[in-house]
Amino acid sequence: MHAATDDEVDRAGRDQFPNDFNRMVDGVEKAGHIVGGALVGLKKDSWSRLCSFTHTGYQQIGARLTPEGLGYDYQDGEILQALEWADGITLMSLMAFAGLTANETLANEALEYLVPVVQLAGEVESEVAT
């Protein structure tokens, strides 16, 4: 029912996290807590961009360079994309929690909210890419 083994949980408690994030994402989905490849899809669509923002990559630096010098120049679509990602991961976490507590009603309600978030995120991704 759970995605991590007891050994993996013990290592995480000592800040020894696995290097293979893809394996972790696959494990969560295979455990049945997230349905339909939503987490894998979210990671595929957003991960490299989020890493660039987080680890001082081009996405972070480029958005701070303006014709006048340093500042903020995030496009509305980029801001919306970040908010949609946060909404999506929050709702997927809620679904996983609902699965752990066998609360099918909560899982279904979270899924109802998640579907339009994922659809909107795909539309925003297309707009930002153009």
Protein backbone atom coordinates (compact mmCIF):
# COMPACT_ATOMS: atom_id res chain seq x y z
CA MET A 1 0.00 0.00 0.00
CA HIS A 2 2.91 2.38 0.63
CA ALA A 3 5.47 3.53 -1.93
CA ALA A 4 8.57 3.44 0.30
CA THR A 5 10.13 0.42 1.97
CA ASP A 6 10.91 0.47 5.70
CA ASP A 7 14.60 0.85 4.85
CA GLU A 8 13.88 3.85 2.61
CA VAL A 9 11.87 5.49 5.39
CA ASP A 10 14.72 4.89 7.87
CA ARG A 11 17.25 6.41 5.47
CA ALA A 12 15.02 9.43 4.84
CA GLY A 13 14.92 9.93 8.61
CA ARG A 14 18.71 10.34 8.41
CA ASP A 15 18.46 12.76 5.43
CA GLN A 16 19.67 10.06 3.04
CA PHE A 17 17.28 10.44 0.16
CA PRO A 18 17.33 8.33 -3.00
CA ASN A 19 18.92 10.00 -6.00
CA ASP A 20 16.39 8.62 -8.45
CA PHE A 21 13.38 10.92 -8.21
CA ASN A 22 11.77 9.17 -11.19
CA ARG A 23 11.76 5.92 -9.23
CA MET A 24 10.13 7.67 -6.28
CA VAL A 25 7.39 9.16 -8.47
CA ASP A 26 6.76 5.82 -10.16
CA GLY A 27 6.57 4.14 -6.74
CA VAL A 28 3.90 6.54 -5.52
CA GLU A 29 1.80 5.96 -8.61
CA LYS A 30 2.28 2.18 -8.55
CA ALA A 31 1.14 2.14 -4.91
CA GLY A 32 -2.21 3.35 -6.24
CA HIS A 33 -2.40 6.64 -4.39
CA ILE A 34 -2.32 8.77 -7.54
CA VAL A 35 -4.33 7.57 -10.51
CA GLY A 36 -3.99 7.97 -14.22
CA GLY A 37 -0.35 8.97 -14.42
CA ALA A 38 -1.13 12.44 -13.04
CA LEU A 39 2.01 12.71 -10.92
CA VAL A 40 4.27 11.36 -13.67
CA GLY A 41 2.64 13.78 -16.10
CA LEU A 42 3.05 16.71 -13.71
CA LYS A 43 6.71 15.88 -13.22
CA LYS A 44 7.30 15.43 -16.96
CA ASP A 45 5.65 18.75 -17.80
CA SER A 46 7.17 20.86 -15.03
CA TRP A 47 10.23 19.33 -13.40
CA SER A 48 13.06 20.77 -15.51
CA ARG A 49 11.50 24.22 -15.42
CA LEU A 50 11.00 24.07 -11.64
CA CYS A 51 14.61 22.93 -11.17
CA SER A 52 15.75 25.88 -13.26
CA PHE A 53 13.77 28.25 -11.03
CA THR A 54 14.97 26.59 -7.82
CA HIS A 55 18.64 26.09 -8.61
CA THR A 56 19.39 29.53 -10.07
CA GLY A 57 19.06 28.39 -13.63
CA TYR A 58 18.06 30.34 -16.70
CA GLN A 59 14.37 30.45 -15.72
CA GLN A 60 15.19 32.23 -12.48
CA ILE A 61 17.90 34.53 -13.80
CA GLY A 62 16.17 35.34 -17.09
CA ALA A 63 13.00 36.47 -15.35
CA ARG A 64 15.01 38.96 -13.31
CA LEU A 65 16.76 40.62 -16.23
CA THR A 66 14.86 43.56 -17.62
CA PRO A 67 15.89 46.27 -20.08
CA GLU A 68 16.45 48.53 -17.06
CA GLY A 69 18.60 46.01 -15.17
CA LEU A 70 17.64 43.58 -12.42
CA GLY A 71 14.01 43.38 -11.42
CA TYR A 72 11.07 41.06 -11.95
CA ASP A 73 9.75 40.21 -15.36
CA TYR A 74 7.65 37.09 -14.86
CA GLN A 75 4.93 36.73 -17.46
CA ASP A 76 1.38 36.21 -16.21
CA GLY A 77 1.37 32.72 -17.74
CA GLU A 78 4.51 31.76 -15.80
CA ILE A 79 2.94 32.90 -12.53
CA LEU A 80 -0.27 31.03 -13.31
CA GLN A 81 1.76 27.95 -14.23
CA ALA A 82 3.53 27.98 -10.85
CA LEU A 83 0.22 28.37 -9.01
CA GLU A 84 -1.37 25.55 -11.01
CA TRP A 85 1.60 23.30 -10.21
CA ALA A 86 1.20 24.07 -6.50
CA ASP A 87 -2.54 23.36 -6.70
CA GLY A 88 -1.93 20.10 -8.54
CA ILE A 89 0.69 18.74 -6.17
CA THR A 90 -1.44 19.75 -3.16
CA LEU A 91 -4.50 17.96 -4.51
CA MET A 92 -2.44 14.86 -5.37
CA SER A 93 -1.07 14.84 -1.83
CA LEU A 94 -4.61 15.08 -0.51
CA MET A 95 -5.63 12.14 -2.70
CA ALA A 96 -2.70 10.08 -1.39
CA PHE A 97 -3.65 10.95 2.20
CA ALA A 98 -7.26 10.01 1.49
CA GLY A 99 -6.04 6.68 0.11
CA LEU A 100 -3.99 6.00 3.24
CA THR A 101 -7.01 6.71 5.42
CA ALA A 102 -9.39 4.81 3.12
CA ASN A 103 -11.52 7.95 2.74
CA GLU A 104 -12.97 7.42 -0.72
CA THR A 105 -15.23 10.48 -0.47
CA LEU A 106 -12.27 12.78 0.16
CA ALA A 107 -10.27 11.17 -2.65
CA ASN A 108 -13.12 11.64 -5.11
CA GLU A 109 -13.64 15.27 -4.08
CA ALA A 110 -9.92 15.98 -4.51
CA LEU A 111 -10.03 14.32 -7.93
CA GLU A 112 -12.97 16.52 -8.95
CA TYR A 113 -10.85 19.59 -8.22
CA LEU A 114 -7.71 18.09 -9.77
CA VAL A 115 -9.11 17.38 -13.24
CA PRO A 116 -9.74 21.04 -14.17
CA VAL A 117 -6.40 22.06 -12.63
CA VAL A 118 -4.56 19.60 -14.87
CA GLN A 119 -6.56 20.71 -17.91
CA LEU A 120 -5.87 24.39 -17.21
CA ALA A 121 -2.19 23.67 -16.60
CA GLY A 122 -1.95 22.07 -20.05
CA GLU A 123 -3.58 25.11 -21.64
CA VAL A 124 -1.25 27.50 -19.80
CA GLU A 125 1.79 25.37 -20.76
CA SER A 126 0.82 25.72 -24.42
CA GLU A 127 0.41 29.49 -24.10
CA VAL A 128 3.74 29.95 -22.28
CA ALA A 129 5.55 27.84 -24.89
CA THR A 130 4.35 30.08 -27.74
